[in-house]
Amino acid sequence: STLSARLSPAAATDGRPSREFQEESLADVER
């Protein structure tokens, strides 16, 4: 399924986020 890629557009090949780190709570990330 292509579902995984759609849900993780920011995932890089090394497993780390491609954008810079931002201070966010888990609730904000979920929202």
Full PDB file with SEQRES, HELIX, SHEET, SSBOND, CRYST1, ORIGX, SCALE, CONECT and MASTER records, all heavy atoms in Angstrom:
SEQRES   1 A   31  SER THR LEU SER ALA ARG LEU SER PRO ALA ALA ALA THR          
SEQRES   2 A   31  ASP GLY ARG PRO SER ARG GLU PHE GLN GLU GLU SER LEU          
SEQRES   3 A   31  ALA ASP VAL GLU ARG                                          
HELIX    1 AA1 LEU A    3  LEU A    7  1                                   5    
HELIX    2 AA2 LEU A   26  GLU A   30  1                                   5    
CRYST1    1.000    1.000    1.000  90.00  90.00  90.00 P 1           1          
ORIGX1      1.000000  0.000000  0.000000        0.00000                         
ORIGX2      0.000000  1.000000  0.000000        0.00000                         
ORIGX3      0.000000  0.000000  1.000000        0.00000                         
SCALE1      1.000000  0.000000  0.000000        0.00000                         
SCALE2      0.000000  1.000000  0.000000        0.00000                         
SCALE3      0.000000  0.000000  1.000000        0.00000                         
ATOM      1  N   SER A   1       0.843  -1.193   0.000  1.00  0.00           N  
ATOM      2  CA  SER A   1       0.000   0.000   0.000  1.00  0.00           C  
ATOM      3  C   SER A   1       0.879   1.243   0.000  1.00  0.00           C  
ATOM      4  O   SER A   1       2.007   1.237   0.516  1.00  0.00           O  
ATOM      5  CB  SER A   1      -0.898  -0.010   1.232  1.00  0.00           C  
ATOM      6  OG  SER A   1      -1.568   1.210   1.363  1.00  0.00           O  
ATOM      7  N   THR A   2       0.375   2.310  -0.578  1.00  0.00           N  
ATOM      8  CA  THR A   2       1.100   3.593  -0.573  1.00  0.00           C  
ATOM      9  C   THR A   2       0.737   4.428   0.634  1.00  0.00           C  
ATOM     10  O   THR A   2       1.114   5.586   0.739  1.00  0.00           O  
ATOM     11  CB  THR A   2       0.766   4.374  -1.851  1.00  0.00           C  
ATOM     12  OG1 THR A   2      -0.655   4.586  -1.906  1.00  0.00           O  
ATOM     13  CG2 THR A   2       1.223   3.598  -3.083  1.00  0.00           C  
ATOM     14  N   LEU A   3       0.008   3.820   1.576  1.00  0.00           N  
ATOM     15  CA  LEU A   3      -0.473   4.545   2.740  1.00  0.00           C  
ATOM     16  C   LEU A   3       0.670   5.055   3.600  1.00  0.00           C  
ATOM     17  O   LEU A   3       0.639   6.167   4.111  1.00  0.00           O  
ATOM     18  CB  LEU A   3      -1.375   3.623   3.560  1.00  0.00           C  
ATOM     19  CG  LEU A   3      -2.155   4.258   4.709  1.00  0.00           C  
ATOM     20  CD1 LEU A   3      -3.070   5.353   4.204  1.00  0.00           C  
ATOM     21  CD2 LEU A   3      -2.963   3.201   5.442  1.00  0.00           C  
ATOM     22  N   SER A   4       1.711   4.230   3.752  1.00  0.00           N  
ATOM     23  CA  SER A   4       2.822   4.609   4.620  1.00  0.00           C  
ATOM     24  C   SER A   4       3.503   5.868   4.132  1.00  0.00           C  
ATOM     25  O   SER A   4       3.820   6.772   4.901  1.00  0.00           O  
ATOM     26  CB  SER A   4       3.836   3.460   4.698  1.00  0.00           C  
ATOM     27  OG  SER A   4       4.921   3.816   5.506  1.00  0.00           O  
ATOM     28  N   ALA A   5       3.718   5.977   2.836  1.00  0.00           N  
ATOM     29  CA  ALA A   5       4.390   7.162   2.290  1.00  0.00           C  
ATOM     30  C   ALA A   5       3.536   8.407   2.451  1.00  0.00           C  
ATOM     31  O   ALA A   5       4.039   9.499   2.719  1.00  0.00           O  
ATOM     32  CB  ALA A   5       4.716   6.930   0.819  1.00  0.00           C  
ATOM     33  N   ARG A   6       2.202   8.243   2.320  1.00  0.00           N  
ATOM     34  CA  ARG A   6       1.325   9.394   2.451  1.00  0.00           C  
ATOM     35  C   ARG A   6       1.282   9.906   3.885  1.00  0.00           C  
ATOM     36  O   ARG A   6       1.165  11.105   4.124  1.00  0.00           O  
ATOM     37  CB  ARG A   6      -0.083   9.025   2.004  1.00  0.00           C  
ATOM     38  CG  ARG A   6      -0.186   8.725   0.511  1.00  0.00           C  
ATOM     39  CD  ARG A   6      -1.599   8.349   0.136  1.00  0.00           C  
ATOM     40  NE  ARG A   6      -1.695   8.039  -1.291  1.00  0.00           N  
ATOM     41  CZ  ARG A   6      -2.822   7.650  -1.882  1.00  0.00           C  
ATOM     42  NH1 ARG A   6      -3.930   7.509  -1.163  1.00  0.00           N  
ATOM     43  NH2 ARG A   6      -2.837   7.390  -3.179  1.00  0.00           N  
ATOM     44  N   LEU A   7       1.371   8.975   4.833  1.00  0.00           N  
ATOM     45  CA  LEU A   7       1.311   9.379   6.228  1.00  0.00           C  
ATOM     46  C   LEU A   7       2.640   9.915   6.736  1.00  0.00           C  
ATOM     47  O   LEU A   7       2.693  10.547   7.774  1.00  0.00           O  
ATOM     48  CB  LEU A   7       0.873   8.198   7.091  1.00  0.00           C  
ATOM     49  CG  LEU A   7      -0.578   7.739   6.894  1.00  0.00           C  
ATOM     50  CD1 LEU A   7      -0.875   6.566   7.808  1.00  0.00           C  
ATOM     51  CD2 LEU A   7      -1.551   8.870   7.132  1.00  0.00           C  
ATOM     52  N   SER A   8       3.720   9.661   6.034  1.00  0.00           N  
ATOM     53  CA  SER A   8       5.048  10.098   6.494  1.00  0.00           C  
ATOM     54  C   SER A   8       5.760  10.868   5.381  1.00  0.00           C  
ATOM     55  O   SER A   8       6.805  10.460   4.909  1.00  0.00           O  
ATOM     56  CB  SER A   8       5.876   8.894   6.936  1.00  0.00           C  
ATOM     57  OG  SER A   8       5.174   8.178   7.920  1.00  0.00           O  
ATOM     58  N   PRO A   9       5.191  11.989   4.927  1.00  0.00           N  
ATOM     59  CA  PRO A   9       5.832  12.713   3.822  1.00  0.00           C  
ATOM     60  C   PRO A   9       7.146  13.352   4.210  1.00  0.00           C  
ATOM     61  O   PRO A   9       7.988  13.624   3.372  1.00  0.00           O  
ATOM     62  CB  PRO A   9       4.780  13.771   3.474  1.00  0.00           C  
ATOM     63  CG  PRO A   9       4.012  13.979   4.751  1.00  0.00           C  
ATOM     64  CD  PRO A   9       3.985  12.676   5.411  1.00  0.00           C  
ATOM     65  N   ALA A  10       7.334  13.537   5.536  1.00  0.00           N  
ATOM     66  CA  ALA A  10       8.555  14.221   5.965  1.00  0.00           C  
ATOM     67  C   ALA A  10       9.671  13.266   6.305  1.00  0.00           C  
ATOM     68  O   ALA A  10      10.756  13.675   6.697  1.00  0.00           O  
ATOM     69  CB  ALA A  10       8.254  15.105   7.175  1.00  0.00           C  
ATOM     70  N   ALA A  11       9.418  11.993   6.197  1.00  0.00           N  
ATOM     71  CA  ALA A  11      10.441  11.017   6.582  1.00  0.00           C  
ATOM     72  C   ALA A  11      11.532  10.961   5.539  1.00  0.00           C  
ATOM     73  O   ALA A  11      11.278  10.843   4.350  1.00  0.00           O  
ATOM     74  CB  ALA A  11       9.789   9.649   6.735  1.00  0.00           C  
ATOM     75  N   ALA A  12      12.756  11.009   5.968  1.00  0.00           N  
ATOM     76  CA  ALA A  12      13.911  10.919   5.076  1.00  0.00           C  
ATOM     77  C   ALA A  12      14.411   9.495   5.061  1.00  0.00           C  
ATOM     78  O   ALA A  12      13.985   8.655   5.829  1.00  0.00           O  
ATOM     79  CB  ALA A  12      15.013  11.870   5.547  1.00  0.00           C  
ATOM     80  N   THR A  13      15.371   9.208   4.191  1.00  0.00           N  
ATOM     81  CA  THR A  13      15.870   7.844   4.065  1.00  0.00           C  
ATOM     82  C   THR A  13      16.642   7.419   5.284  1.00  0.00           C  
ATOM     83  O   THR A  13      16.766   6.225   5.551  1.00  0.00           O  
ATOM     84  CB  THR A  13      16.779   7.740   2.833  1.00  0.00           C  
ATOM     85  OG1 THR A  13      17.827   8.713   2.946  1.00  0.00           O  
ATOM     86  CG2 THR A  13      15.998   7.998   1.565  1.00  0.00           C  
ATOM     87  N   ASP A  14      17.165   8.376   6.062  1.00  0.00           N  
ATOM     88  CA  ASP A  14      17.912   7.985   7.260  1.00  0.00           C  
ATOM     89  C   ASP A  14      17.024   7.880   8.486  1.00  0.00           C  
ATOM     90  O   ASP A  14      17.517   7.664   9.589  1.00  0.00           O  
ATOM     91  CB  ASP A  14      19.047   8.982   7.533  1.00  0.00           C  
ATOM     92  CG  ASP A  14      18.516  10.388   7.761  1.00  0.00           C  
ATOM     93  OD1 ASP A  14      17.278  10.573   7.633  1.00  0.00           O  
ATOM     94  OD2 ASP A  14      19.314  11.289   8.068  1.00  0.00           O  
ATOM     95  N   GLY A  15      15.713   8.039   8.295  1.00  0.00           N  
ATOM     96  CA  GLY A  15      14.782   7.860   9.414  1.00  0.00           C  
ATOM     97  C   GLY A  15      14.610   9.102  10.258  1.00  0.00           C  
ATOM     98  O   GLY A  15      13.887   9.094  11.241  1.00  0.00           O  
ATOM     99  N   ARG A  16      15.273  10.269   9.908  1.00  0.00           N  
ATOM    100  CA  ARG A  16      15.133  11.478  10.714  1.00  0.00           C  
ATOM    101  C   ARG A  16      14.278  12.498   9.975  1.00  0.00           C  
ATOM    102  O   ARG A  16      14.215  12.487   8.746  1.00  0.00           O  
ATOM    103  CB  ARG A  16      16.504  12.079  11.005  1.00  0.00           C  
ATOM    104  CG  ARG A  16      17.366  11.209  11.901  1.00  0.00           C  
ATOM    105  CD  ARG A  16      18.734  11.803  12.082  1.00  0.00           C  
ATOM    106  NE  ARG A  16      19.442  11.866  10.810  1.00  0.00           N  
ATOM    107  CZ  ARG A  16      20.629  12.427  10.674  1.00  0.00           C  
ATOM    108  NH1 ARG A  16      21.230  12.964  11.714  1.00  0.00           N  
ATOM    109  NH2 ARG A  16      21.209  12.452   9.497  1.00  0.00           N  
ATOM    110  N   PRO A  17      13.605  13.411  10.664  1.00  0.00           N  
ATOM    111  CA  PRO A  17      12.787  14.423  10.001  1.00  0.00           C  
ATOM    112  C   PRO A  17      13.643  15.269   9.060  1.00  0.00           C  
ATOM    113  O   PRO A  17      14.787  15.596   9.361  1.00  0.00           O  
ATOM    114  CB  PRO A  17      12.232  15.255  11.160  1.00  0.00           C  
ATOM    115  CG  PRO A  17      12.345  14.375  12.362  1.00  0.00           C  
ATOM    116  CD  PRO A  17      13.553  13.527  12.127  1.00  0.00           C  
ATOM    117  N   SER A  18      13.070  15.630   7.921  1.00  0.00           N  
ATOM    118  CA  SER A  18      13.818  16.417   6.935  1.00  0.00           C  
ATOM    119  C   SER A  18      13.791  17.897   7.259  1.00  0.00           C  
ATOM    120  O   SER A  18      14.616  18.663   6.774  1.00  0.00           O  
ATOM    121  CB  SER A  18      13.231  16.189   5.537  1.00  0.00           C  
ATOM    122  OG  SER A  18      11.856  16.549   5.517  1.00  0.00           O  
ATOM    123  N   ARG A  19      12.798  18.314   8.080  1.00  0.00           N  
ATOM    124  CA  ARG A  19      12.739  19.725   8.432  1.00  0.00           C  
ATOM    125  C   ARG A  19      13.396  19.944   9.786  1.00  0.00           C  
ATOM    126  O   ARG A  19      13.650  19.004  10.526  1.00  0.00           O  
ATOM    127  CB  ARG A  19      11.293  20.212   8.446  1.00  0.00           C  
ATOM    128  CG  ARG A  19      10.363  19.433   9.381  1.00  0.00           C  
ATOM    129  CD  ARG A  19       8.914  19.850   9.142  1.00  0.00           C  
ATOM    130  NE  ARG A  19       8.003  19.068   9.947  1.00  0.00           N  
ATOM    131  CZ  ARG A  19       7.587  19.405  11.162  1.00  0.00           C  
ATOM    132  NH1 ARG A  19       8.070  20.524  11.732  1.00  0.00           N  
ATOM    133  NH2 ARG A  19       6.749  18.650  11.830  1.00  0.00           N  
ATOM    134  N   GLU A  20      13.639  21.204  10.110  1.00  0.00           N  
ATOM    135  CA  GLU A  20      14.301  21.531  11.364  1.00  0.00           C  
ATOM    136  C   GLU A  20      13.383  21.235  12.543  1.00  0.00           C  
ATOM    137  O   GLU A  20      12.165  21.267  12.429  1.00  0.00           O  
ATOM    138  CB  GLU A  20      14.701  23.009  11.376  1.00  0.00           C  
ATOM    139  CG  GLU A  20      15.762  23.364  10.332  1.00  0.00           C  
ATOM    140  CD  GLU A  20      16.153  24.820  10.426  1.00  0.00           C  
ATOM    141  OE1 GLU A  20      15.570  25.530  11.294  1.00  0.00           O  
ATOM    142  OE2 GLU A  20      17.014  25.245   9.662  1.00  0.00           O  
ATOM    143  N   PHE A  21      13.998  20.974  13.681  1.00  0.00           N  
ATOM    144  CA  PHE A  21      13.251  20.641  14.885  1.00  0.00           C  
ATOM    145  C   PHE A  21      12.464  21.847  15.369  1.00  0.00           C  
ATOM    146  O   PHE A  21      12.953  22.974  15.367  1.00  0.00           O  
ATOM    147  CB  PHE A  21      14.212  20.184  15.984  1.00  0.00           C  
ATOM    148  CG  PHE A  21      13.541  19.982  17.316  1.00  0.00           C  
ATOM    149  CD1 PHE A  21      12.746  18.870  17.529  1.00  0.00           C  
ATOM    150  CD2 PHE A  21      13.678  20.927  18.329  1.00  0.00           C  
ATOM    151  CE1 PHE A  21      12.124  18.687  18.749  1.00  0.00           C  
ATOM    152  CE2 PHE A  21      13.049  20.737  19.539  1.00  0.00           C  
ATOM    153  CZ  PHE A  21      12.271  19.608  19.754  1.00  0.00           C  
ATOM    154  N   GLN A  22      11.229  21.591  15.811  1.00  0.00           N  
ATOM    155  CA  GLN A  22      10.390  22.627  16.384  1.00  0.00           C  
ATOM    156  C   GLN A  22       9.878  22.151  17.730  1.00  0.00           C  
ATOM    157  O   GLN A  22       9.548  20.977  17.906  1.00  0.00           O  
ATOM    158  CB  GLN A  22       9.197  22.936  15.471  1.00  0.00           C  
ATOM    159  CG  GLN A  22       9.605  23.495  14.117  1.00  0.00           C  
ATOM    160  CD  GLN A  22       8.386  23.805  13.244  1.00  0.00           C  
ATOM    161  OE1 GLN A  22       7.253  23.647  13.680  1.00  0.00           O  
ATOM    162  NE2 GLN A  22       8.634  24.265  12.025  1.00  0.00           N  
ATOM    163  N   GLU A  23       9.817  23.045  18.666  1.00  0.00           N  
ATOM    164  CA  GLU A  23       9.318  22.699  19.989  1.00  0.00           C  
ATOM    165  C   GLU A  23       7.796  22.604  19.947  1.00  0.00           C  
ATOM    166  O   GLU A  23       7.107  23.618  19.885  1.00  0.00           O  
ATOM    167  CB  GLU A  23       9.758  23.741  21.024  1.00  0.00           C  
ATOM    168  CG  GLU A  23      11.255  23.754  21.279  1.00  0.00           C  
ATOM    169  CD  GLU A  23      11.625  24.705  22.409  1.00  0.00           C  
ATOM    170  OE1 GLU A  23      10.690  25.287  23.011  1.00  0.00           O  
ATOM    171  OE2 GLU A  23      12.808  24.845  22.683  1.00  0.00           O  
ATOM    172  N   GLU A  24       7.275  21.364  20.000  1.00  0.00           N  
ATOM    173  CA  GLU A  24       5.841  21.117  19.962  1.00  0.00           C  
ATOM    174  C   GLU A  24       5.510  19.997  20.944  1.00  0.00           C  
ATOM    175  O   GLU A  24       6.283  19.048  21.097  1.00  0.00           O  
ATOM    176  CB  GLU A  24       5.368  20.693  18.563  1.00  0.00           C  
ATOM    177  CG  GLU A  24       5.454  21.786  17.512  1.00  0.00           C  
ATOM    178  CD  GLU A  24       4.969  21.281  16.166  1.00  0.00           C  
ATOM    179  OE1 GLU A  24       5.575  20.325  15.647  1.00  0.00           O  
ATOM    180  OE2 GLU A  24       3.988  21.827  15.648  1.00  0.00           O  
ATOM    181  N   SER A  25       4.360  20.118  21.584  1.00  0.00           N  
ATOM    182  CA  SER A  25       3.902  19.043  22.470  1.00  0.00           C  
ATOM    183  C   SER A  25       3.348  17.894  21.625  1.00  0.00           C  
ATOM    184  O   SER A  25       3.018  18.067  20.437  1.00  0.00           O  
ATOM    185  CB  SER A  25       2.816  19.553  23.421  1.00  0.00           C  
ATOM    186  OG  SER A  25       1.645  19.888  22.689  1.00  0.00           O  
ATOM    187  N   LEU A  26       3.234  16.752  22.265  1.00  0.00           N  
ATOM    188  CA  LEU A  26       2.701  15.590  21.559  1.00  0.00           C  
ATOM    189  C   LEU A  26       1.262  15.843  21.130  1.00  0.00           C  
ATOM    190  O   LEU A  26       0.838  15.417  20.050  1.00  0.00           O  
ATOM    191  CB  LEU A  26       2.774  14.354  22.467  1.00  0.00           C  
ATOM    192  CG  LEU A  26       2.394  13.012  21.824  1.00  0.00           C  
ATOM    193  CD1 LEU A  26       3.304  12.708  20.644  1.00  0.00           C  
ATOM    194  CD2 LEU A  26       2.469  11.888  22.850  1.00  0.00           C  
ATOM    195  N   ALA A  27       0.501  16.570  21.973  1.00  0.00           N  
ATOM    196  CA  ALA A  27      -0.881  16.884  21.617  1.00  0.00           C  
ATOM    197  C   ALA A  27      -0.937  17.776  20.381  1.00  0.00           C  
ATOM    198  O   ALA A  27      -1.801  17.601  19.503  1.00  0.00           O  
ATOM    199  CB  ALA A  27      -1.584  17.560  22.789  1.00  0.00           C  
ATOM    200  N   ASP A  28       0.005  18.746  20.301  1.00  0.00           N  
ATOM    201  CA  ASP A  28       0.030  19.616  19.122  1.00  0.00           C  
ATOM    202  C   ASP A  28       0.362  18.818  17.867  1.00  0.00           C  
ATOM    203  O   ASP A  28      -0.205  19.057  16.793  1.00  0.00           O  
ATOM    204  CB  ASP A  28       1.060  20.741  19.321  1.00  0.00           C  
ATOM    205  CG  ASP A  28       0.627  21.733  20.391  1.00  0.00           C  
ATOM    206  OD1 ASP A  28      -0.598  21.824  20.635  1.00  0.00           O  
ATOM    207  OD2 ASP A  28       1.505  22.398  20.985  1.00  0.00           O  
ATOM    208  N   VAL A  29       1.327  17.862  18.017  1.00  0.00           N  
ATOM    209  CA  VAL A  29       1.688  17.036  16.863  1.00  0.00           C  
ATOM    210  C   VAL A  29       0.490  16.197  16.421  1.00  0.00           C  
ATOM    211  O   VAL A  29       0.189  16.087  15.225  1.00  0.00           O  
ATOM    212  CB  VAL A  29       2.892  16.132  17.207  1.00  0.00           C  
ATOM    213  CG1 VAL A  29       3.166  15.149  16.077  1.00  0.00           C  
ATOM    214  CG2 VAL A  29       4.134  16.984  17.478  1.00  0.00           C  
ATOM    215  N   GLU A  30      -0.208  15.617  17.390  1.00  0.00           N  
ATOM    216  CA  GLU A  30      -1.368  14.793  17.055  1.00  0.00           C  
ATOM    217  C   GLU A  30      -2.454  15.640  16.409  1.00  0.00           C  
ATOM    218  O   GLU A  30      -3.051  15.251  15.399  1.00  0.00           O  
ATOM    219  CB  GLU A  30      -1.917  14.112  18.312  1.00  0.00           C  
ATOM    220  CG  GLU A  30      -3.095  13.174  18.021  1.00  0.00           C  
ATOM    221  CD  GLU A  30      -3.639  12.517  19.261  1.00  0.00           C  
ATOM    222  OE1 GLU A  30      -3.923  13.248  20.241  1.00  0.00           O  
ATOM    223  OE2 GLU A  30      -3.803  11.282  19.254  1.00  0.00           O  
ATOM    224  N   ARG A  31      -2.700  16.821  16.959  1.00  0.00           N  
ATOM    225  CA  ARG A  31      -3.740  17.705  16.407  1.00  0.00           C  
ATOM    226  C   ARG A  31      -3.397  18.099  14.980  1.00  0.00           C  
ATOM    227  O   ARG A  31      -4.244  18.042  14.074  1.00  0.00           O  
ATOM    228  CB  ARG A  31      -3.872  18.946  17.293  1.00  0.00           C  
ATOM    229  CG  ARG A  31      -4.912  19.955  16.822  1.00  0.00           C  
ATOM    230  CD  ARG A  31      -4.991  21.117  17.815  1.00  0.00           C  
ATOM    231  NE  ARG A  31      -6.005  22.066  17.444  1.00  0.00           N  
ATOM    232  CZ  ARG A  31      -5.849  23.037  16.541  1.00  0.00           C  
ATOM    233  NH1 ARG A  31      -4.664  23.180  15.924  1.00  0.00           N  
ATOM    234  NH2 ARG A  31      -6.844  23.869  16.253  1.00  0.00           N  
TER     235      ARG A  31                                                      
MASTER        0    0    0    2    0    0    0    6  234    1    0    3          
END                                                                             
